[in-house]
N, C-alpha and C. Protein backbone atom coordinates (compact mmCIF):
# COMPACT_ATOMS: atom_id res chain seq x y z
N MET A 1 0.63 -1.23 -0.05
CA MET A 1 -0.19 0.05 0.24
C MET A 1 0.74 1.43 -0.01
N ILE A 2 2.16 1.25 1.02
CA ILE A 2 2.61 2.02 1.09
C ILE A 2 3.91 2.68 -0.94
N TYR A 3 3.96 1.40 -1.29
CA TYR A 3 4.50 1.57 -2.71
C TYR A 3 3.72 2.15 -3.50
N GLN A 4 2.50 1.56 -3.61
CA GLN A 4 1.22 2.47 -4.39
C GLN A 4 0.65 3.69 -4.00
N SER A 5 1.11 4.32 -3.26
CA SER A 5 0.31 5.45 -2.45
C SER A 5 1.64 6.59 -3.12
N LEU A 6 2.85 5.53 -3.25
CA LEU A 6 4.46 6.77 -3.52
C LEU A 6 4.07 6.68 -4.69
N LYS A 7 3.44 5.82 -5.75
CA LYS A 7 3.48 5.90 -7.09
C LYS A 7 2.61 7.07 -7.75
N GLU A 8 1.52 6.60 -6.77
CA GLU A 8 0.52 7.66 -7.14
C GLU A 8 0.59 9.26 -6.64
N HIS A 9 1.78 9.86 -5.86
CA HIS A 9 2.38 10.81 -5.34
C HIS A 9 2.66 11.37 -6.48
N VAL A 10 4.25 10.70 -7.34
CA VAL A 10 4.94 11.17 -8.42
C VAL A 10 3.79 10.88 -9.41
N TYR A 11 2.74 10.46 -10.09
CA TYR A 11 2.65 10.42 -11.17
C TYR A 11 0.76 12.13 -10.93
N ASN A 12 0.81 12.37 -9.13
CA ASN A 12 0.18 13.20 -9.03
C ASN A 12 0.89 14.12 -9.99
N TYR A 13 1.97 14.11 -9.19
CA TYR A 13 3.32 15.54 -9.06
C TYR A 13 3.51 15.87 -10.20
N ILE A 14 4.03 14.47 -11.62
CA ILE A 14 4.10 15.46 -12.79
C ILE A 14 3.23 15.71 -13.72
N SER A 15 1.55 15.10 -13.47
CA SER A 15 0.64 15.76 -14.45
C SER A 15 0.27 17.01 -13.79
N ASP A 16 0.14 17.64 -12.93
CA ASP A 16 0.31 18.67 -12.51
C ASP A 16 1.11 19.59 -13.03
N GLU A 17 2.43 19.34 -13.20
CA GLU A 17 3.65 19.90 -13.45
C GLU A 17 3.26 20.48 -15.11
N ILE A 18 2.33 19.36 -15.69
CA ILE A 18 2.35 19.22 -17.19
C ILE A 18 0.69 19.99 -17.75
N LYS A 19 -0.12 19.64 -16.18
CA LYS A 19 -1.58 20.80 -16.39
C LYS A 19 -0.73 22.30 -16.29
N ASN A 20 -0.19 22.40 -15.31
CA ASN A 20 0.73 23.93 -14.73
C ASN A 20 1.20 24.93 -15.69
N LYS A 21 1.50 23.35 -17.42
CA LYS A 21 2.91 24.25 -17.98
C LYS A 21 3.93 24.56 -17.58
N SER A 22 4.64 23.36 -16.89
CA SER A 22 5.80 23.37 -15.55
C SER A 22 6.69 22.41 -16.68
N LEU A 23 5.84 22.10 -17.18
CA LEU A 23 6.33 21.14 -18.13
C LEU A 23 5.56 21.44 -19.28
N ASP A 24 6.77 21.57 -20.70
CA ASP A 24 6.39 21.51 -21.68
C ASP A 24 6.26 20.50 -22.24
N ALA A 25 5.18 20.44 -23.63
CA ALA A 25 5.59 19.84 -24.53
C ALA A 25 6.52 19.37 -25.19
N ASN A 26 7.01 18.06 -25.58
CA ASN A 26 8.56 17.21 -25.87
C ASN A 26 9.45 17.59 -24.92
N GLU A 27 9.21 18.53 -23.75
CA GLU A 27 10.34 17.80 -22.65
C GLU A 27 10.19 17.14 -21.81
N LYS A 28 11.70 16.89 -21.88
CA LYS A 28 12.45 15.42 -21.17
C LYS A 28 12.48 15.51 -19.91
N ILE A 29 11.58 14.55 -19.18
CA ILE A 29 11.73 14.15 -18.19
C ILE A 29 13.00 13.81 -16.92
N ASN A 30 13.03 14.90 -15.94
CA ASN A 30 14.87 14.53 -14.92
C ASN A 30 14.26 13.73 -14.19
N GLU A 31 14.18 12.23 -14.53
CA GLU A 31 14.25 11.29 -13.27
C GLU A 31 14.59 11.80 -12.03
N GLN A 32 15.99 11.78 -11.57
CA GLN A 32 16.81 11.99 -10.89
C GLN A 32 16.38 13.44 -10.26
N GLU A 33 15.70 14.30 -10.72
CA GLU A 33 15.38 15.31 -10.43
C GLU A 33 14.16 15.19 -9.77
N ILE A 34 13.18 13.98 -9.98
CA ILE A 34 12.35 14.30 -9.04
C ILE A 34 12.55 13.47 -8.18
N CYS A 35 13.39 12.73 -8.23
CA CYS A 35 13.47 11.85 -6.92
C CYS A 35 13.95 12.86 -5.82
N ASN A 36 14.60 13.65 -6.25
CA ASN A 36 15.59 14.43 -5.47
C ASN A 36 13.90 15.24 -4.87
N LYS A 37 13.10 15.74 -5.64
CA LYS A 37 12.00 17.23 -4.94
C LYS A 37 11.00 16.37 -4.28
N LEU A 38 10.93 15.24 -4.73
CA LEU A 38 9.40 14.39 -3.61
C LEU A 38 10.50 13.57 -2.92
N GLY A 39 11.50 12.88 -2.61
CA GLY A 39 12.20 13.05 -1.37
C GLY A 39 12.05 10.91 -1.83
N VAL A 40 11.73 10.98 -2.79
CA VAL A 40 11.45 9.69 -3.19
C VAL A 40 12.12 8.34 -3.21
N SER A 41 12.42 7.04 -4.47
CA SER A 41 13.37 6.28 -5.51
C SER A 41 13.00 6.11 -6.15
N ARG A 42 13.70 5.82 -7.17
CA ARG A 42 13.75 5.93 -8.56
C ARG A 42 12.80 4.40 -8.65
N THR A 43 12.17 3.69 -7.84
CA THR A 43 11.01 2.92 -8.47
C THR A 43 9.84 2.97 -8.61
N PRO A 44 9.71 4.15 -7.86
CA PRO A 44 8.33 4.52 -7.90
C PRO A 44 7.76 5.96 -9.05
N VAL A 45 9.07 6.55 -9.01
CA VAL A 45 8.76 7.63 -10.13
C VAL A 45 9.04 6.66 -11.20
N ARG A 46 9.94 5.68 -12.05
CA ARG A 46 9.70 4.84 -13.25
C ARG A 46 8.61 3.87 -13.18
N GLU A 47 7.62 3.60 -12.08
CA GLU A 47 6.26 3.02 -12.33
C GLU A 47 5.65 4.43 -12.64
N ALA A 48 5.53 5.44 -12.25
CA ALA A 48 4.55 6.32 -12.30
C ALA A 48 4.53 7.00 -13.86
N LEU A 49 6.19 7.06 -13.77
CA LEU A 49 6.31 7.32 -15.49
C LEU A 49 5.64 6.31 -16.56
N ILE A 50 5.97 5.28 -16.39
CA ILE A 50 5.06 4.02 -17.32
C ILE A 50 3.84 3.91 -17.29
N GLN A 51 3.59 4.63 -16.16
CA GLN A 51 1.72 4.46 -16.07
C GLN A 51 1.02 6.02 -17.05
N LEU A 52 1.71 7.46 -16.38
CA LEU A 52 1.37 8.37 -17.63
C LEU A 52 1.96 7.92 -18.98
N SER A 53 2.82 7.54 -19.60
CA SER A 53 3.14 6.94 -20.77
C SER A 53 1.56 6.02 -21.34
N SER A 54 1.55 5.15 -19.85
CA SER A 54 0.44 4.46 -21.03
C SER A 54 -1.00 5.15 -21.20
N ASP A 55 -1.58 6.02 -20.01
CA ASP A 55 -2.22 7.52 -20.23
C ASP A 55 -2.36 8.25 -21.10
N GLY A 56 -0.85 8.25 -22.04
CA GLY A 56 -1.05 8.87 -23.45
C GLY A 56 -0.45 10.68 -23.09
N LEU A 57 -0.43 10.82 -21.71
CA LEU A 57 0.79 11.78 -21.31
C LEU A 57 1.88 12.23 -21.68
N LEU A 58 3.17 11.19 -21.80
CA LEU A 58 4.24 10.93 -21.67
C LEU A 58 4.64 10.14 -22.86
N GLU A 59 5.74 10.34 -24.15
CA GLU A 59 6.09 8.99 -24.38
C GLU A 59 7.38 9.01 -24.22
N ILE A 60 8.03 7.17 -24.58
CA ILE A 60 8.68 7.05 -24.39
C ILE A 60 10.02 6.55 -25.68
N THR A 61 10.82 7.22 -25.80
CA THR A 61 12.22 7.81 -26.78
C THR A 61 13.15 7.07 -26.54
N PRO A 62 13.50 5.65 -27.31
CA PRO A 62 14.16 4.83 -27.01
C PRO A 62 15.86 5.25 -27.01
N ARG A 63 16.49 5.34 -25.71
CA ARG A 63 17.54 6.02 -24.92
C ARG A 63 17.79 6.83 -24.89
N ARG A 64 16.65 7.57 -24.67
CA ARG A 64 16.71 9.40 -24.00
C ARG A 64 15.46 9.27 -23.15
N GLY A 65 15.21 8.91 -22.82
CA GLY A 65 13.51 7.95 -21.61
C GLY A 65 12.27 8.58 -22.09
N PHE A 66 11.81 9.32 -21.18
CA PHE A 66 10.15 9.94 -21.47
C PHE A 66 10.14 11.55 -21.39
N ARG A 67 9.14 11.87 -22.56
CA ARG A 67 9.43 12.99 -22.86
C ARG A 67 8.03 13.10 -22.57
N VAL A 68 7.67 14.54 -22.67
CA VAL A 68 5.96 15.17 -22.22
C VAL A 68 5.58 14.91 -23.92
N LYS A 69 4.30 14.43 -24.19
CA LYS A 69 3.56 14.10 -24.95
C LYS A 69 2.51 14.63 -25.72
N ALA A 70 3.39 16.10 -27.06
CA ALA A 70 1.92 17.01 -27.95
C ALA A 70 0.92 16.57 -28.14
N LEU A 71 0.03 16.93 -27.97
CA LEU A 71 -1.38 16.74 -28.40
C LEU A 71 -1.74 17.66 -29.74
N THR A 72 -2.05 16.61 -30.91
CA THR A 72 -2.39 17.76 -32.23
C THR A 72 -3.42 17.66 -32.74
N MET A 73 -4.17 19.00 -33.18
CA MET A 73 -5.29 18.58 -32.82
C MET A 73 -5.80 17.81 -34.43
N LYS A 74 -5.62 17.21 -34.31
CA LYS A 74 -5.71 16.49 -35.78
C LYS A 74 -6.16 14.87 -33.95
N GLU A 75 -5.28 14.94 -33.11
CA GLU A 75 -5.26 13.50 -32.24
C GLU A 75 -5.97 14.23 -31.43
N ALA A 76 -6.40 15.22 -31.16
CA ALA A 76 -7.53 15.80 -30.19
C ALA A 76 -8.87 15.73 -31.12
N GLN A 77 -9.00 16.20 -31.89
CA GLN A 77 -10.34 15.58 -33.09
C GLN A 77 -10.84 14.27 -33.07
N ASP A 78 -9.75 12.68 -32.75
CA ASP A 78 -9.56 11.88 -33.13
C ASP A 78 -10.47 11.50 -31.84
N LEU A 79 -9.63 12.29 -30.99
CA LEU A 79 -10.02 11.58 -29.42
C LEU A 79 -11.36 11.93 -28.61
N TYR A 80 -12.02 12.82 -29.11
CA TYR A 80 -13.21 13.47 -29.24
C TYR A 80 -14.17 12.62 -29.99
N ALA A 81 -13.78 12.28 -30.96
CA ALA A 81 -15.22 11.21 -31.63
C ALA A 81 -15.04 10.10 -30.89
N VAL A 82 -14.29 9.53 -30.06
CA VAL A 82 -14.46 8.15 -29.81
C VAL A 82 -15.08 8.86 -28.24
N ILE A 83 -14.52 9.84 -27.47
CA ILE A 83 -15.32 10.04 -26.79
C ILE A 83 -16.45 10.37 -26.08
N SER A 84 -16.80 11.28 -27.40
CA SER A 84 -17.87 11.35 -27.70
C SER A 84 -19.30 10.21 -27.75
N ASN A 85 -18.88 9.41 -28.45
CA ASN A 85 -19.71 7.91 -28.80
C ASN A 85 -19.66 7.28 -27.44
N LEU A 86 -18.39 7.16 -26.31
CA LEU A 86 -18.66 6.70 -25.27
C LEU A 86 -19.75 7.39 -24.27
N ASP A 87 -19.43 8.85 -23.90
CA ASP A 87 -19.66 9.62 -23.59
C ASP A 87 -21.74 9.04 -23.69
N VAL A 88 -22.01 9.19 -24.74
CA VAL A 88 -23.61 9.17 -24.95
C VAL A 88 -23.42 7.52 -24.82
N MET A 89 -22.60 6.43 -24.81
CA MET A 89 -23.31 4.92 -23.82
C MET A 89 -23.53 5.05 -22.53
N ALA A 90 -22.21 6.24 -22.16
CA ALA A 90 -22.93 6.59 -20.61
C ALA A 90 -23.60 6.49 -20.12
N ALA A 91 -24.10 7.66 -21.12
CA ALA A 91 -25.54 8.44 -20.69
C ALA A 91 -26.89 7.65 -21.08
N GLU A 92 -26.82 6.95 -21.67
CA GLU A 92 -28.07 6.05 -22.08
C GLU A 92 -27.91 4.98 -20.53
N ILE A 93 -27.12 4.36 -20.10
CA ILE A 93 -26.96 4.25 -19.11
C ILE A 93 -27.28 4.16 -18.07
N ALA A 94 -26.84 5.81 -17.67
CA ALA A 94 -26.97 6.21 -16.61
C ALA A 94 -28.88 7.20 -16.48
N ILE A 95 -29.47 7.02 -17.29
CA ILE A 95 -30.57 7.63 -18.11
C ILE A 95 -31.19 7.87 -16.64
N ARG A 96 -31.64 6.03 -16.29
CA ARG A 96 -32.80 5.45 -15.28
C ARG A 96 -31.87 5.26 -14.56
N LYS A 97 -30.88 5.67 -14.03
CA LYS A 97 -30.36 5.28 -12.49
C LYS A 97 -29.62 6.46 -11.77
N LEU A 98 -29.80 7.59 -12.38
CA LEU A 98 -29.56 9.43 -12.01
C LEU A 98 -30.78 9.20 -10.73
N SER A 99 -30.35 9.59 -9.28
CA SER A 99 -31.78 10.15 -8.66
C SER A 99 -31.47 11.43 -8.30
N GLU A 100 -32.48 11.89 -7.42
CA GLU A 100 -32.62 12.86 -7.33
C GLU A 100 -31.43 13.96 -6.78
N GLU A 101 -30.71 13.03 -5.92
CA GLU A 101 -29.52 13.93 -5.76
C GLU A 101 -28.82 14.39 -6.52
N ASP A 102 -28.58 13.41 -7.17
CA ASP A 102 -27.59 13.37 -8.42
C ASP A 102 -27.96 15.06 -9.33
N LEU A 103 -29.15 14.68 -9.51
CA LEU A 103 -29.37 15.38 -10.33
C LEU A 103 -29.47 16.87 -9.66
N ALA A 104 -30.03 17.36 -8.27
CA ALA A 104 -29.41 18.44 -8.09
C ALA A 104 -27.78 19.01 -7.89
N GLN A 105 -26.85 17.71 -7.27
CA GLN A 105 -25.87 18.24 -7.74
C GLN A 105 -25.70 18.67 -9.17
N MET A 106 -26.09 18.05 -9.99
CA MET A 106 -25.88 18.75 -11.32
C MET A 106 -26.35 19.95 -11.86
N GLN A 107 -27.25 19.97 -11.03
CA GLN A 107 -27.34 21.35 -11.01
C GLN A 107 -26.71 22.43 -10.17
N ALA A 108 -26.88 21.83 -9.15
CA ALA A 108 -26.32 23.01 -8.38
C ALA A 108 -24.75 23.26 -9.20
N LEU A 109 -23.85 22.11 -9.56
CA LEU A 109 -22.59 22.66 -10.51
C LEU A 109 -22.93 23.66 -11.78
N LEU A 110 -24.31 23.60 -12.27
CA LEU A 110 -24.79 24.57 -13.18
C LEU A 110 -24.22 25.88 -12.95
N GLU A 111 -24.89 26.32 -11.99
CA GLU A 111 -24.81 27.42 -11.22
C GLU A 111 -23.40 27.51 -11.03
N LYS A 112 -22.19 26.88 -10.50
CA LYS A 112 -21.27 27.22 -9.77
C LYS A 112 -20.22 27.37 -11.51
N MET A 113 -20.57 26.66 -12.66
CA MET A 113 -19.61 27.10 -13.12
C MET A 113 -20.31 28.12 -14.21
N ASP A 114 -21.14 28.91 -13.91
CA ASP A 114 -21.88 30.28 -14.28
C ASP A 114 -21.22 30.95 -13.38
N ASP A 115 -21.24 30.81 -12.29
CA ASP A 115 -20.33 31.79 -11.04
C ASP A 115 -19.51 32.24 -11.86
N ALA A 116 -18.33 30.81 -12.01
CA ALA A 116 -16.71 30.87 -11.92
C ALA A 116 -17.00 31.40 -13.04
N ILE A 117 -17.03 30.92 -14.43
CA ILE A 117 -17.52 32.20 -16.11
C ILE A 117 -17.63 33.33 -15.36
N LEU A 118 -18.35 34.35 -15.10
CA LEU A 118 -17.95 35.18 -14.75
C LEU A 118 -17.40 36.16 -14.15
N ARG A 119 -16.88 35.05 -13.27
CA ARG A 119 -15.74 35.72 -12.31
C ARG A 119 -14.12 35.55 -12.84
N TYR A 120 -14.19 34.67 -14.26
CA TYR A 120 -13.05 34.34 -15.26
C TYR A 120 -12.31 33.72 -14.48
N GLU A 121 -12.92 32.93 -13.51
CA GLU A 121 -12.32 31.83 -13.09
C GLU A 121 -12.13 30.83 -13.82
N PHE A 122 -11.49 30.37 -14.75
CA PHE A 122 -11.84 29.67 -16.26
C PHE A 122 -11.19 28.07 -15.76
N ARG A 123 -10.11 28.19 -14.97
CA ARG A 123 -10.03 27.10 -14.38
C ARG A 123 -10.97 26.22 -13.49
N ASP A 124 -11.09 27.18 -12.53
CA ASP A 124 -12.45 26.49 -12.23
C ASP A 124 -13.33 26.34 -12.85
N TYR A 125 -13.95 26.39 -13.43
CA TYR A 125 -15.19 25.70 -14.89
C TYR A 125 -14.80 24.57 -15.23
N TYR A 126 -13.38 24.47 -15.44
CA TYR A 126 -13.34 23.21 -16.28
C TYR A 126 -12.79 22.22 -15.38
N LYS A 127 -12.72 21.98 -14.10
CA LYS A 127 -12.83 21.32 -12.72
C LYS A 127 -14.69 20.75 -13.00
N LEU A 128 -15.07 22.16 -12.49
CA LEU A 128 -16.84 21.79 -12.23
C LEU A 128 -17.64 20.80 -13.69
N GLN A 129 -16.85 21.19 -14.86
CA GLN A 129 -17.41 20.53 -16.02
C GLN A 129 -17.27 19.28 -15.93
N MET A 130 -15.61 18.94 -15.56
CA MET A 130 -15.61 17.35 -15.25
C MET A 130 -15.93 16.87 -14.45
N ASP A 131 -16.45 17.16 -13.41
CA ASP A 131 -17.15 16.86 -12.11
C ASP A 131 -18.93 16.74 -12.33
N PHE A 132 -19.14 17.79 -13.59
CA PHE A 132 -20.63 16.98 -13.88
C PHE A 132 -21.03 16.26 -14.87
N HIS A 133 -19.70 16.22 -15.92
CA HIS A 133 -20.27 14.49 -16.32
C HIS A 133 -19.63 13.30 -15.51
N ASN A 134 -19.13 13.67 -15.10
CA ASN A 134 -18.78 12.28 -14.36
C ASN A 134 -19.74 11.71 -12.86
N ILE A 135 -20.95 12.58 -12.81
CA ILE A 135 -21.74 12.24 -12.24
C ILE A 135 -22.40 11.38 -12.95
N TYR A 136 -23.13 11.46 -14.23
CA TYR A 136 -23.19 10.59 -14.89
C TYR A 136 -22.79 9.08 -15.24
N ILE A 137 -21.43 9.56 -15.47
CA ILE A 137 -20.87 8.70 -16.34
C ILE A 137 -20.36 7.65 -14.96
N LEU A 138 -20.29 8.14 -13.53
CA LEU A 138 -20.05 7.15 -12.44
C LEU A 138 -20.89 6.25 -12.53
N ARG A 139 -22.48 6.82 -12.91
CA ARG A 139 -23.62 5.99 -11.97
C ARG A 139 -23.96 4.98 -12.61
N THR A 140 -23.06 5.05 -14.32
CA THR A 140 -23.40 3.52 -15.19
C THR A 140 -23.17 2.41 -14.46
N ASP A 141 -22.21 2.42 -13.70
CA ASP A 141 -21.43 1.22 -12.77
C ASP A 141 -20.49 0.54 -13.76
N ASN A 142 -20.52 0.86 -14.37
CA ASN A 142 -19.73 -0.13 -15.95
C ASN A 142 -18.11 0.36 -15.81
N GLN A 143 -17.62 -0.17 -14.87
CA GLN A 143 -15.78 0.28 -14.83
C GLN A 143 -15.07 0.55 -15.81
N PRO A 144 -15.34 -1.00 -16.71
CA PRO A 144 -14.26 -0.75 -17.72
C PRO A 144 -14.52 0.69 -18.82
N LEU A 145 -15.81 0.73 -18.60
CA LEU A 145 -16.63 2.47 -19.20
C LEU A 145 -15.88 2.96 -18.99
N ILE A 146 -15.95 3.19 -17.42
CA ILE A 146 -15.57 4.89 -17.17
C ILE A 146 -14.38 4.46 -16.82
N ASP A 147 -13.45 3.55 -16.68
CA ASP A 147 -12.15 3.43 -16.82
C ASP A 147 -11.16 3.91 -18.44
N THR A 148 -11.81 3.35 -19.18
CA THR A 148 -11.91 3.91 -20.26
C THR A 148 -12.12 5.64 -21.13
N ILE A 149 -13.15 5.98 -20.29
CA ILE A 149 -13.61 7.72 -20.35
C ILE A 149 -12.36 8.53 -20.08
N PHE A 150 -12.04 8.10 -18.88
CA PHE A 150 -11.28 8.32 -17.87
C PHE A 150 -9.67 8.49 -18.25
N ARG A 151 -9.63 7.43 -19.20
CA ARG A 151 -8.21 7.19 -19.29
C ARG A 151 -8.00 8.11 -20.74
N LEU A 152 -9.32 8.38 -22.04
CA LEU A 152 -8.97 9.30 -23.02
C LEU A 152 -9.11 10.38 -22.62
N LYS A 153 -9.96 10.96 -21.43
CA LYS A 153 -9.67 12.65 -21.16
C LYS A 153 -8.39 13.12 -20.10
N LYS A 154 -7.64 11.91 -20.20
CA LYS A 154 -6.23 12.49 -19.51
C LYS A 154 -5.78 13.05 -20.36
N ARG A 155 -5.63 12.80 -21.42
CA ARG A 155 -5.15 13.19 -22.77
C ARG A 155 -5.06 14.86 -23.08
N PHE A 156 -6.33 15.12 -22.65
CA PHE A 156 -6.62 16.37 -22.71
C PHE A 156 -6.44 17.24 -21.30
N ILE A 157 -5.49 17.62 -20.00
CA ILE A 157 -5.07 17.40 -19.39
C ILE A 157 -4.19 18.62 -19.19
N ARG A 158 -3.81 19.07 -20.44
CA ARG A 158 -3.22 20.37 -20.91
C ARG A 158 -4.56 21.48 -21.62
N GLN A 159 -5.66 20.96 -21.22
CA GLN A 159 -6.67 21.66 -21.76
C GLN A 159 -7.37 22.09 -20.33
N SER A 160 -6.65 23.30 -19.96
CA SER A 160 -7.46 24.03 -18.92
C SER A 160 -7.29 25.94 -19.58
N TYR A 161 -8.10 26.16 -18.86
CA TYR A 161 -8.11 27.83 -18.94
C TYR A 161 -7.65 28.82 -18.16
N PRO A 162 -6.50 29.31 -18.76
CA PRO A 162 -6.02 30.69 -18.44
C PRO A 162 -7.00 31.45 -17.65
N ASN A 163 -6.50 32.00 -16.41
CA ASN A 163 -7.39 32.97 -15.39
C ASN A 163 -7.14 34.67 -15.69
N GLU A 164 -6.86 34.44 -17.09
CA GLU A 164 -6.85 36.00 -17.45
C GLU A 164 -8.50 36.34 -18.09
N LYS A 165 -8.58 38.09 -18.45
CA LYS A 165 -10.26 37.97 -18.05
C LYS A 165 -10.06 38.45 -19.54
N SER A 166 -10.10 37.51 -20.03
CA SER A 166 -11.16 37.43 -21.41
C SER A 166 -12.10 37.29 -22.15
N ASN A 167 -13.25 38.18 -22.26
CA ASN A 167 -14.37 38.22 -22.65
C ASN A 167 -14.67 37.21 -23.53
N CYS A 168 -13.41 36.71 -24.30
CA CYS A 168 -13.89 36.45 -25.80
C CYS A 168 -13.98 34.25 -25.23
N VAL A 169 -13.16 34.18 -24.05
CA VAL A 169 -13.08 32.97 -23.33
C VAL A 169 -14.56 33.07 -22.61
N ARG A 170 -14.53 34.21 -21.99
CA ARG A 170 -15.86 34.29 -21.34
C ARG A 170 -17.10 33.93 -22.11
N ASP A 171 -17.21 34.20 -23.17
CA ASP A 171 -18.76 34.00 -24.00
C ASP A 171 -18.67 32.36 -24.18
N ILE A 172 -17.78 32.07 -24.65
CA ILE A 172 -17.42 30.86 -25.04
C ILE A 172 -18.19 29.33 -23.99
N LEU A 173 -17.48 29.84 -23.52
CA LEU A 173 -17.57 29.35 -22.17
C LEU A 173 -19.56 29.19 -21.77
N LEU A 174 -19.76 30.12 -21.65
CA LEU A 174 -20.91 30.63 -21.60
C LEU A 174 -22.11 29.70 -22.23
N ASN A 175 -21.73 29.58 -23.88
CA ASN A 175 -22.69 29.19 -24.32
C ASN A 175 -22.30 27.24 -23.99
N THR A 176 -21.32 26.91 -23.59
CA THR A 176 -20.95 26.11 -23.52
C THR A 176 -21.76 25.00 -22.64
N ASN A 177 -21.57 26.08 -21.53
CA ASN A 177 -22.27 25.92 -20.00
C ASN A 177 -23.52 25.60 -20.56
N ARG A 178 -24.44 26.19 -21.27
CA ARG A 178 -26.00 25.98 -21.91
C ARG A 178 -26.12 25.08 -22.23
N GLU A 179 -25.62 24.24 -23.10
CA GLU A 179 -25.76 23.23 -23.44
C GLU A 179 -25.51 22.42 -22.54
N HIS A 180 -24.12 22.19 -21.04
CA HIS A 180 -24.68 21.91 -20.06
C HIS A 180 -26.34 21.73 -19.40
N ARG A 181 -26.69 22.97 -19.57
CA ARG A 181 -28.36 23.40 -19.38
C ARG A 181 -29.67 21.81 -20.22
N GLU A 182 -29.11 22.06 -21.27
CA GLU A 182 -29.42 20.78 -22.13
C GLU A 182 -29.03 19.58 -21.94
N ILE A 183 -28.37 19.20 -21.61
CA ILE A 183 -28.14 18.00 -21.29
C ILE A 183 -29.12 17.78 -19.95
N PHE A 184 -28.63 18.38 -19.08
CA PHE A 184 -29.28 18.02 -17.54
C PHE A 184 -30.47 17.91 -17.62
N HIS A 185 -31.41 18.73 -18.76
CA HIS A 185 -32.94 19.18 -18.48
C HIS A 185 -33.01 17.32 -19.01
N CYS A 186 -32.25 17.27 -20.29
CA CYS A 186 -32.92 15.39 -20.83
C CYS A 186 -32.64 14.44 -20.03
N PHE A 187 -31.10 15.02 -19.11
CA PHE A 187 -32.07 13.60 -17.92
C PHE A 187 -32.81 13.70 -17.06
N LYS A 188 -33.01 14.99 -16.55
CA LYS A 188 -34.38 15.10 -15.38
C LYS A 188 -35.59 14.73 -16.13
N GLU A 189 -35.58 15.64 -17.52
CA GLU A 189 -37.05 14.39 -18.32
C GLU A 189 -36.99 13.27 -18.69
N LYS A 190 -35.48 12.55 -18.74
CA LYS A 190 -35.32 11.32 -19.61
C LYS A 190 -36.08 11.25 -20.34
N ASN A 191 -35.79 11.84 -21.07
CA ASN A 191 -35.35 12.05 -22.94
C ASN A 191 -33.80 11.56 -23.61
N LEU A 192 -34.58 10.31 -23.56
CA LEU A 192 -33.14 9.82 -24.36
C LEU A 192 -33.24 10.50 -25.96
N ASP A 193 -33.56 10.33 -26.34
CA ASP A 193 -33.81 10.60 -28.15
C ASP A 193 -32.87 12.62 -27.85
N LYS A 194 -33.32 12.70 -27.27
CA LYS A 194 -32.75 14.30 -26.97
C LYS A 194 -31.29 14.31 -26.66
N LEU A 195 -31.57 13.81 -25.68
CA LEU A 195 -30.16 13.67 -25.01
C LEU A 195 -28.89 13.17 -25.64
N LYS A 196 -29.31 12.26 -26.55
CA LYS A 196 -28.33 11.61 -27.79
C LYS A 196 -27.41 12.62 -28.31
N ARG A 197 -28.79 13.36 -28.96
CA ARG A 197 -28.92 14.92 -29.72
C ARG A 197 -27.37 15.49 -29.14
N GLU A 198 -28.14 15.95 -28.03
CA GLU A 198 -28.06 17.19 -27.18
C GLU A 198 -26.08 16.87 -26.79
N LEU A 199 -25.92 15.54 -26.67
CA LEU A 199 -24.49 15.16 -26.13
C LEU A 199 -23.18 14.90 -27.66
N LYS A 200 -24.00 14.72 -28.78
CA LYS A 200 -23.13 14.86 -30.25
C LYS A 200 -22.62 16.60 -30.09
N GLN A 201 -24.06 16.94 -30.25
CA GLN A 201 -23.74 18.60 -30.71
C GLN A 201 -23.10 19.19 -29.42
N HIS A 202 -22.64 18.90 -28.33
CA HIS A 202 -21.98 19.40 -26.94
C HIS A 202 -20.58 18.63 -27.37
N TRP A 203 -20.75 17.38 -27.72
CA TRP A 203 -19.19 17.40 -28.17
C TRP A 203 -18.14 18.03 -29.76
N ASN A 204 -19.44 18.12 -30.07
CA ASN A 204 -18.95 18.91 -31.50
C ASN A 204 -18.51 20.59 -31.13
N LEU A 205 -18.81 20.65 -29.89
CA LEU A 205 -18.92 22.86 -29.71
C LEU A 205 -17.94 22.75 -29.19
N ASN A 206 -18.18 21.24 -27.86
CA ASN A 206 -16.67 21.11 -27.17
C ASN A 206 -15.40 21.34 -27.95
N TYR A 207 -14.94 20.65 -29.16
CA TYR A 207 -14.54 20.74 -30.01
C TYR A 207 -13.59 22.13 -30.67
N ALA A 208 -15.00 22.56 -31.45
CA ALA A 208 -15.20 24.08 -31.93
C ALA A 208 -14.45 24.67 -30.42
N GLU A 209 -14.64 24.68 -29.93
CA GLU A 209 -14.14 25.36 -28.88
C GLU A 209 -12.89 25.81 -28.34
N MET A 210 -12.25 24.35 -28.33
CA MET A 210 -10.55 23.79 -28.73
C MET A 210 -10.43 24.51 -29.33
N ASP A 211 -10.45 24.66 -30.77
CA ASP A 211 -9.39 24.88 -31.94
C ASP A 211 -10.17 26.08 -32.03
N SER A 212 -10.76 27.04 -31.60
CA SER A 212 -10.79 28.41 -31.47
C SER A 212 -10.02 28.94 -30.43
N LEU A 213 -10.21 28.30 -29.00
CA LEU A 213 -9.10 28.65 -27.98
C LEU A 213 -7.61 28.36 -28.54
N ASP A 214 -7.61 27.42 -29.57
CA ASP A 214 -5.92 27.24 -29.81
C ASP A 214 -5.99 27.92 -30.64
N GLU A 215 -6.28 28.66 -31.67
CA GLU A 215 -6.14 29.31 -32.82
C GLU A 215 -5.33 31.02 -31.89
N LYS A 216 -6.36 31.30 -30.62
CA LYS A 216 -5.42 32.08 -30.21
C LYS A 216 -4.38 32.25 -29.02
N LYS A 217 -3.83 30.90 -29.57
CA LYS A 217 -3.06 30.43 -28.80
C LYS A 217 -3.23 30.42 -27.14
N ILE A 218 -4.40 30.40 -26.61
CA ILE A 218 -4.72 29.56 -25.34
C ILE A 218 -4.21 28.14 -24.56
N TYR A 219 -4.38 27.81 -25.68
CA TYR A 219 -3.96 25.92 -25.52
C TYR A 219 -2.20 25.71 -26.06
N GLN A 220 -1.81 24.70 -25.62
CA GLN A 220 -0.68 24.33 -25.84
C GLN A 220 0.24 23.32 -26.31
N GLU A 221 0.57 23.36 -27.46
CA GLU A 221 0.64 21.52 -28.09
C GLU A 221 2.07 21.59 -27.63
């Protein structure tokens, strides 16, 4: 148990460094530096790096070690297409399983997301929207499906927003949250056909959103 917790500690540390852009795309990972900084041996560091590579955040270069893997727009488009279909599958399973408490949590998150956007706390919004989708994904009680969705979404770890007071980002995210509200109402009304359409549209919007923000150099490849 101690060994596993060390591996997770290292994994989370490196993930945060990538998310915060302290580690840039294509940057080589200094294993010894991580060992020294975290006060751990090389074994949990190596295990965490292998896991990060398996999750698509790092890539192994022969005789050169691990590097942060860049995410191209084509790769992002392909990932969104897969996640979109898996998300629809999760919604189809979960729609009859969501409790009143689940729905209340989703509604509360909608309000928190709007508040975060209007305060220009875009990174807070990103975490909240993940929480929103996770409510119904977890309710599927289908571990292979849950694990696959979470693993694929980890490839978008760099997809966080700046906390700059950008009205353009604010307006895009307010529009995205309106999509979240439509999804919520479909779950509440148990309207599966409309829910599927809304989720497909939502993921298309998310991809277009990411593309437009990338053009403004908000995302880093």
